[in-house]
Amino acid sequence: MRFVAGILLGAMLLVGGGTASVLAANWRFVASGPDGNSWVDTTTIQRQGDCVVFWHRLTFKRKPRLNRVLYHQLRIKTRICCQARTMEELEYVALDEELEEKSRWKPRSEARPVRRGTVADALLNYVCQRGR
């Protein structure tokens, strides 16, 4: 698993501030939910006041298919505000079963409340503790 994760992470481009840079990743399992398992890349956790920006990935239990591509995982750049308990997705990267990037987009999203006992709550607790 570490070998595969190392290959994935070495190839993954994270966009920040308009410039692309290749970052080594360190994926840590955080929670399992109805759609799959959620992991946080600890190398991307950045504190911005009360908020934390980071990348997490969702490895699907049931692989969705779109335009004949079977997706294996979704990587999501996320902002969580710890005291306000809100979460906002900033960017998505969809990967196929060979873990090649197939789609990248920025959603039109707004910060929404994080409910207790959810995967989002587990992500909030993890990054808010680590981002101190």
N, C-alpha and C. Protein backbone atom coordinates (compact mmCIF):
# COMPACT_ATOMS: atom_id res chain seq x y z
N MET A 1 0.81 -1.20 0.00
CA MET A 1 0.00 0.00 0.00
C MET A 1 0.86 1.26 0.00
N ARG A 2 1.91 1.29 0.80
CA ARG A 2 2.79 2.46 0.85
C ARG A 2 3.44 2.70 -0.51
N PHE A 3 3.82 1.63 -1.22
CA PHE A 3 4.44 1.76 -2.52
C PHE A 3 3.48 2.41 -3.51
N VAL A 4 2.25 1.93 -3.54
CA VAL A 4 1.25 2.49 -4.44
C VAL A 4 0.95 3.93 -4.06
N ALA A 5 0.81 4.18 -2.77
CA ALA A 5 0.53 5.54 -2.32
C ALA A 5 1.68 6.47 -2.68
N GLY A 6 2.91 5.99 -2.56
CA GLY A 6 4.08 6.80 -2.90
C GLY A 6 4.10 7.17 -4.37
N ILE A 7 3.76 6.23 -5.23
CA ILE A 7 3.70 6.51 -6.66
C ILE A 7 2.61 7.54 -6.95
N LEU A 8 1.44 7.33 -6.36
CA LEU A 8 0.32 8.27 -6.56
C LEU A 8 0.69 9.67 -6.11
N LEU A 9 1.23 9.75 -4.96
CA LEU A 9 1.49 11.04 -4.36
C LEU A 9 2.62 11.77 -5.05
N GLY A 10 3.62 11.05 -5.49
CA GLY A 10 4.71 11.68 -6.21
C GLY A 10 4.25 12.28 -7.52
N ALA A 11 3.26 11.68 -8.13
CA ALA A 11 2.76 12.16 -9.41
C ALA A 11 1.69 13.22 -9.29
N MET A 12 1.13 13.36 -8.11
CA MET A 12 0.00 14.27 -7.95
C MET A 12 0.46 15.72 -7.91
N LEU A 13 -0.20 16.55 -8.71
CA LEU A 13 0.09 17.98 -8.69
C LEU A 13 -0.94 18.68 -7.82
N LEU A 14 -0.46 19.44 -6.87
CA LEU A 14 -1.34 20.23 -6.04
C LEU A 14 -1.16 21.68 -6.44
N VAL A 15 -2.26 22.35 -6.66
CA VAL A 15 -2.20 23.72 -7.13
C VAL A 15 -2.44 24.65 -5.95
N GLY A 16 -1.55 25.59 -5.78
CA GLY A 16 -1.70 26.55 -4.70
C GLY A 16 -1.11 27.88 -5.09
N GLY A 17 -1.89 28.93 -4.97
CA GLY A 17 -1.40 30.27 -5.27
C GLY A 17 -1.10 30.46 -6.74
N GLY A 18 -1.69 29.67 -7.62
CA GLY A 18 -1.50 29.86 -9.04
C GLY A 18 -0.30 29.14 -9.61
N THR A 19 0.53 28.53 -8.76
CA THR A 19 1.67 27.80 -9.27
C THR A 19 1.53 26.35 -8.87
N ALA A 20 1.97 25.47 -9.75
CA ALA A 20 1.87 24.03 -9.47
C ALA A 20 3.18 23.54 -8.89
N SER A 21 3.08 22.68 -7.92
CA SER A 21 4.28 22.07 -7.36
C SER A 21 3.96 20.63 -7.00
N VAL A 22 4.96 19.78 -7.15
CA VAL A 22 4.78 18.38 -6.80
C VAL A 22 5.16 18.23 -5.33
N LEU A 23 4.26 17.68 -4.56
CA LEU A 23 4.49 17.51 -3.14
C LEU A 23 4.46 16.04 -2.78
N ALA A 24 5.36 15.66 -1.89
CA ALA A 24 5.29 14.31 -1.35
C ALA A 24 4.12 14.28 -0.39
N ALA A 25 3.37 13.20 -0.40
CA ALA A 25 2.18 13.14 0.44
C ALA A 25 2.36 12.09 1.53
N ASN A 26 1.57 12.25 2.57
CA ASN A 26 1.56 11.33 3.69
C ASN A 26 0.09 11.11 4.06
N TRP A 27 -0.55 10.13 3.42
CA TRP A 27 -1.98 9.89 3.62
C TRP A 27 -2.22 9.15 4.93
N ARG A 28 -3.13 9.69 5.73
CA ARG A 28 -3.52 9.08 7.00
C ARG A 28 -5.03 8.83 6.97
N PHE A 29 -5.40 7.59 7.28
CA PHE A 29 -6.81 7.22 7.32
C PHE A 29 -7.50 8.00 8.44
N VAL A 30 -8.69 8.54 8.14
CA VAL A 30 -9.44 9.31 9.13
C VAL A 30 -10.79 8.68 9.44
N ALA A 31 -11.53 8.26 8.41
CA ALA A 31 -12.88 7.75 8.66
C ALA A 31 -13.39 6.94 7.49
N SER A 32 -14.38 6.11 7.78
CA SER A 32 -15.07 5.35 6.75
C SER A 32 -16.53 5.78 6.77
N GLY A 33 -17.08 5.99 5.59
CA GLY A 33 -18.47 6.41 5.48
C GLY A 33 -19.19 5.58 4.43
N PRO A 34 -20.43 5.93 4.13
CA PRO A 34 -21.21 5.16 3.18
C PRO A 34 -20.63 5.13 1.76
N ASP A 35 -19.91 6.18 1.38
CA ASP A 35 -19.35 6.24 0.03
C ASP A 35 -17.96 5.61 -0.07
N GLY A 36 -17.25 5.54 1.05
CA GLY A 36 -15.90 4.98 1.01
C GLY A 36 -15.07 5.44 2.19
N ASN A 37 -13.75 5.33 2.04
CA ASN A 37 -12.81 5.69 3.10
C ASN A 37 -12.21 7.06 2.82
N SER A 38 -12.07 7.86 3.88
CA SER A 38 -11.51 9.21 3.78
C SER A 38 -10.14 9.25 4.42
N TRP A 39 -9.21 9.87 3.71
CA TRP A 39 -7.81 9.99 4.12
C TRP A 39 -7.41 11.45 4.05
N VAL A 40 -6.47 11.89 4.89
CA VAL A 40 -5.94 13.24 4.86
C VAL A 40 -4.45 13.18 4.53
N ASP A 41 -4.02 14.06 3.63
CA ASP A 41 -2.59 14.21 3.34
C ASP A 41 -2.02 15.19 4.36
N THR A 42 -1.30 14.68 5.33
CA THR A 42 -0.80 15.52 6.43
C THR A 42 0.22 16.55 5.96
N THR A 43 0.85 16.32 4.81
CA THR A 43 1.84 17.29 4.32
C THR A 43 1.18 18.55 3.77
N THR A 44 -0.13 18.52 3.56
CA THR A 44 -0.82 19.68 2.98
C THR A 44 -1.61 20.49 3.99
N ILE A 45 -1.61 20.09 5.26
CA ILE A 45 -2.38 20.80 6.28
C ILE A 45 -1.74 22.17 6.51
N GLN A 46 -2.52 23.23 6.23
CA GLN A 46 -2.04 24.60 6.41
C GLN A 46 -3.06 25.39 7.21
N ARG A 47 -2.60 25.95 8.31
CA ARG A 47 -3.46 26.76 9.17
C ARG A 47 -3.55 28.16 8.57
N GLN A 48 -4.78 28.68 8.49
CA GLN A 48 -5.04 30.06 8.04
C GLN A 48 -5.99 30.68 9.06
N GLY A 49 -5.43 31.22 10.14
CA GLY A 49 -6.26 31.73 11.23
C GLY A 49 -6.96 30.56 11.91
N ASP A 50 -8.29 30.64 12.00
CA ASP A 50 -9.08 29.56 12.62
C ASP A 50 -9.37 28.44 11.63
N CYS A 51 -9.02 28.64 10.38
CA CYS A 51 -9.34 27.66 9.33
C CYS A 51 -8.11 26.83 8.97
N VAL A 52 -8.36 25.66 8.41
CA VAL A 52 -7.31 24.76 7.96
C VAL A 52 -7.63 24.36 6.52
N VAL A 53 -6.64 24.50 5.63
CA VAL A 53 -6.79 24.07 4.24
C VAL A 53 -5.92 22.83 4.07
N PHE A 54 -6.46 21.82 3.39
CA PHE A 54 -5.75 20.55 3.24
C PHE A 54 -6.36 19.78 2.08
N TRP A 55 -5.66 18.73 1.65
CA TRP A 55 -6.19 17.78 0.66
C TRP A 55 -6.62 16.52 1.38
N HIS A 56 -7.77 16.00 1.01
CA HIS A 56 -8.16 14.67 1.48
C HIS A 56 -8.64 13.87 0.28
N ARG A 57 -8.66 12.57 0.44
CA ARG A 57 -9.11 11.71 -0.65
C ARG A 57 -10.21 10.80 -0.16
N LEU A 58 -11.11 10.52 -1.07
CA LEU A 58 -12.18 9.57 -0.84
C LEU A 58 -11.93 8.40 -1.77
N THR A 59 -11.67 7.23 -1.20
CA THR A 59 -11.51 6.01 -1.99
C THR A 59 -12.88 5.33 -1.99
N PHE A 60 -13.49 5.26 -3.17
CA PHE A 60 -14.87 4.79 -3.28
C PHE A 60 -15.02 3.31 -2.97
N LYS A 61 -16.10 2.97 -2.26
CA LYS A 61 -16.46 1.56 -2.04
C LYS A 61 -17.05 1.00 -3.33
N ARG A 62 -17.99 1.73 -3.91
CA ARG A 62 -18.58 1.37 -5.21
C ARG A 62 -18.08 2.37 -6.21
N LYS A 63 -17.30 1.92 -7.15
CA LYS A 63 -16.65 2.81 -8.11
C LYS A 63 -17.68 3.41 -9.07
N PRO A 64 -17.86 4.74 -9.05
CA PRO A 64 -18.79 5.35 -9.99
C PRO A 64 -18.21 5.39 -11.40
N ARG A 65 -19.08 5.30 -12.39
CA ARG A 65 -18.67 5.35 -13.79
C ARG A 65 -19.29 6.59 -14.42
N LEU A 66 -18.47 7.36 -15.11
CA LEU A 66 -18.94 8.55 -15.81
C LEU A 66 -18.21 8.64 -17.14
N ASN A 67 -18.95 8.77 -18.22
CA ASN A 67 -18.36 8.84 -19.57
C ASN A 67 -17.39 7.67 -19.82
N ARG A 68 -17.83 6.47 -19.45
CA ARG A 68 -17.08 5.23 -19.65
C ARG A 68 -15.78 5.12 -18.84
N VAL A 69 -15.58 6.03 -17.91
CA VAL A 69 -14.41 5.97 -17.04
C VAL A 69 -14.86 5.51 -15.66
N LEU A 70 -14.20 4.48 -15.14
CA LEU A 70 -14.49 3.97 -13.81
C LEU A 70 -13.59 4.72 -12.83
N TYR A 71 -14.19 5.49 -11.93
CA TYR A 71 -13.40 6.29 -11.00
C TYR A 71 -13.09 5.50 -9.73
N HIS A 72 -11.85 5.60 -9.29
CA HIS A 72 -11.37 4.89 -8.11
C HIS A 72 -11.39 5.79 -6.88
N GLN A 73 -10.98 7.05 -7.07
CA GLN A 73 -10.94 7.94 -5.92
C GLN A 73 -11.10 9.39 -6.35
N LEU A 74 -11.47 10.19 -5.37
CA LEU A 74 -11.63 11.62 -5.55
C LEU A 74 -10.75 12.31 -4.53
N ARG A 75 -9.94 13.24 -4.99
CA ARG A 75 -9.12 14.03 -4.07
C ARG A 75 -9.74 15.41 -4.00
N ILE A 76 -9.83 15.93 -2.79
CA ILE A 76 -10.59 17.15 -2.56
C ILE A 76 -9.77 18.13 -1.72
N LYS A 77 -9.52 19.31 -2.30
CA LYS A 77 -8.89 20.38 -1.52
C LYS A 77 -10.01 21.02 -0.71
N THR A 78 -9.82 21.10 0.59
CA THR A 78 -10.89 21.45 1.51
C THR A 78 -10.44 22.53 2.49
N ARG A 79 -11.38 23.39 2.86
CA ARG A 79 -11.15 24.37 3.93
C ARG A 79 -12.15 24.06 5.05
N ILE A 80 -11.61 23.85 6.23
CA ILE A 80 -12.45 23.65 7.43
C ILE A 80 -12.12 24.77 8.41
N CYS A 81 -13.16 25.42 8.91
CA CYS A 81 -12.98 26.42 9.96
C CYS A 81 -13.36 25.76 11.28
N CYS A 82 -12.38 25.69 12.17
CA CYS A 82 -12.50 24.86 13.36
C CYS A 82 -13.58 25.34 14.33
N GLN A 83 -13.53 26.59 14.76
CA GLN A 83 -14.50 27.05 15.75
C GLN A 83 -15.88 27.25 15.14
N ALA A 84 -15.93 27.70 13.89
CA ALA A 84 -17.23 27.87 13.23
C ALA A 84 -17.84 26.53 12.83
N ARG A 85 -17.01 25.47 12.80
CA ARG A 85 -17.43 24.12 12.42
C ARG A 85 -18.09 24.12 11.04
N THR A 86 -17.36 24.71 10.06
CA THR A 86 -17.84 24.72 8.68
C THR A 86 -16.81 24.07 7.77
N MET A 87 -17.29 23.62 6.61
CA MET A 87 -16.44 22.93 5.64
C MET A 87 -16.80 23.41 4.24
N GLU A 88 -15.78 23.60 3.40
CA GLU A 88 -15.99 24.02 2.02
C GLU A 88 -15.00 23.31 1.11
N GLU A 89 -15.49 22.74 0.02
CA GLU A 89 -14.62 22.12 -0.97
C GLU A 89 -14.12 23.19 -1.93
N LEU A 90 -12.81 23.20 -2.19
CA LEU A 90 -12.19 24.22 -3.04
C LEU A 90 -11.82 23.68 -4.42
N GLU A 91 -11.48 22.40 -4.48
CA GLU A 91 -11.06 21.80 -5.75
C GLU A 91 -11.22 20.29 -5.68
N TYR A 92 -11.56 19.69 -6.84
CA TYR A 92 -11.69 18.24 -6.94
C TYR A 92 -10.74 17.71 -8.01
N VAL A 93 -10.19 16.53 -7.76
CA VAL A 93 -9.40 15.80 -8.74
C VAL A 93 -9.91 14.36 -8.73
N ALA A 94 -10.43 13.89 -9.87
CA ALA A 94 -10.95 12.52 -9.97
C ALA A 94 -9.91 11.65 -10.65
N LEU A 95 -9.69 10.44 -10.08
CA LEU A 95 -8.70 9.51 -10.60
C LEU A 95 -9.37 8.20 -11.00
N ASP A 96 -8.88 7.61 -12.08
CA ASP A 96 -9.44 6.34 -12.55
C ASP A 96 -8.80 5.17 -11.80
N GLU A 97 -9.12 3.95 -12.22
CA GLU A 97 -8.62 2.78 -11.49
C GLU A 97 -7.11 2.61 -11.62
N GLU A 98 -6.47 3.24 -12.63
CA GLU A 98 -5.00 3.23 -12.71
C GLU A 98 -4.40 4.40 -11.95
N LEU A 99 -5.27 5.15 -11.27
CA LEU A 99 -4.90 6.31 -10.48
C LEU A 99 -4.31 7.43 -11.33
N GLU A 100 -4.80 7.52 -12.56
CA GLU A 100 -4.45 8.62 -13.44
C GLU A 100 -5.52 9.69 -13.32
N GLU A 101 -5.08 10.95 -13.31
CA GLU A 101 -6.04 12.04 -13.22
C GLU A 101 -6.89 12.08 -14.48
N LYS A 102 -8.21 12.07 -14.29
CA LYS A 102 -9.14 12.09 -15.41
C LYS A 102 -9.95 13.37 -15.46
N SER A 103 -10.05 14.05 -14.34
CA SER A 103 -10.86 15.26 -14.30
C SER A 103 -10.43 16.11 -13.12
N ARG A 104 -10.46 17.43 -13.34
CA ARG A 104 -10.12 18.38 -12.27
C ARG A 104 -11.06 19.57 -12.42
N TRP A 105 -11.67 19.98 -11.32
CA TRP A 105 -12.56 21.13 -11.41
C TRP A 105 -12.68 21.81 -10.06
N LYS A 106 -13.12 23.08 -10.12
CA LYS A 106 -13.36 23.87 -8.91
C LYS A 106 -14.87 24.02 -8.76
N PRO A 107 -15.40 23.53 -7.66
CA PRO A 107 -16.85 23.59 -7.46
C PRO A 107 -17.31 24.99 -7.07
N ARG A 108 -18.56 25.24 -7.30
CA ARG A 108 -19.19 26.46 -6.77
C ARG A 108 -19.79 26.06 -5.43
N SER A 109 -19.01 26.16 -4.41
CA SER A 109 -19.51 25.72 -3.10
C SER A 109 -19.38 26.83 -2.09
N GLU A 110 -20.15 26.73 -1.06
CA GLU A 110 -20.08 27.64 0.08
C GLU A 110 -19.81 26.82 1.32
N ALA A 111 -19.27 27.49 2.30
CA ALA A 111 -19.03 26.81 3.57
C ALA A 111 -20.37 26.36 4.15
N ARG A 112 -20.40 25.12 4.62
CA ARG A 112 -21.63 24.58 5.21
C ARG A 112 -21.30 24.00 6.59
N PRO A 113 -22.29 23.95 7.45
CA PRO A 113 -22.06 23.43 8.81
C PRO A 113 -21.65 21.95 8.78
N VAL A 114 -20.78 21.59 9.71
CA VAL A 114 -20.35 20.20 9.88
C VAL A 114 -21.17 19.60 11.01
N ARG A 115 -21.89 18.54 10.69
CA ARG A 115 -22.70 17.85 11.71
C ARG A 115 -21.85 16.86 12.49
N ARG A 116 -22.12 16.75 13.76
CA ARG A 116 -21.38 15.81 14.62
C ARG A 116 -21.69 14.37 14.22
N GLY A 117 -20.68 13.51 14.33
CA GLY A 117 -20.85 12.09 14.04
C GLY A 117 -20.75 11.73 12.56
N THR A 118 -20.37 12.68 11.71
CA THR A 118 -20.24 12.43 10.28
C THR A 118 -18.77 12.29 9.89
N VAL A 119 -18.53 11.89 8.65
CA VAL A 119 -17.16 11.83 8.13
C VAL A 119 -16.56 13.23 8.17
N ALA A 120 -17.34 14.25 7.80
CA ALA A 120 -16.86 15.63 7.85
C ALA A 120 -16.43 16.01 9.27
N ASP A 121 -17.14 15.55 10.28
CA ASP A 121 -16.79 15.79 11.67
C ASP A 121 -15.45 15.14 12.01
N ALA A 122 -15.24 13.92 11.53
CA ALA A 122 -13.96 13.24 11.76
C ALA A 122 -12.82 14.00 11.09
N LEU A 123 -13.04 14.50 9.86
CA LEU A 123 -12.03 15.30 9.17
C LEU A 123 -11.74 16.57 9.96
N LEU A 124 -12.79 17.26 10.41
CA LEU A 124 -12.62 18.48 11.20
C LEU A 124 -11.79 18.21 12.45
N ASN A 125 -12.16 17.17 13.19
CA ASN A 125 -11.42 16.87 14.43
C ASN A 125 -9.95 16.56 14.14
N TYR A 126 -9.70 15.82 13.07
CA TYR A 126 -8.32 15.44 12.73
C TYR A 126 -7.48 16.66 12.36
N VAL A 127 -7.95 17.46 11.39
CA VAL A 127 -7.11 18.57 10.90
C VAL A 127 -7.04 19.71 11.89
N CYS A 128 -8.09 19.93 12.68
CA CYS A 128 -8.03 21.02 13.65
C CYS A 128 -7.05 20.69 14.77
N GLN A 129 -6.90 19.44 15.15
CA GLN A 129 -5.92 19.03 16.14
C GLN A 129 -4.49 19.10 15.58
N ARG A 130 -4.32 18.61 14.33
CA ARG A 130 -2.99 18.58 13.71
C ARG A 130 -2.54 19.95 13.24
N GLY A 131 -3.48 20.81 12.90
CA GLY A 131 -3.13 22.11 12.34
C GLY A 131 -2.78 23.17 13.36
N ARG A 132 -2.64 22.79 14.63
CA ARG A 132 -2.32 23.77 15.69
C ARG A 132 -0.86 24.11 15.70
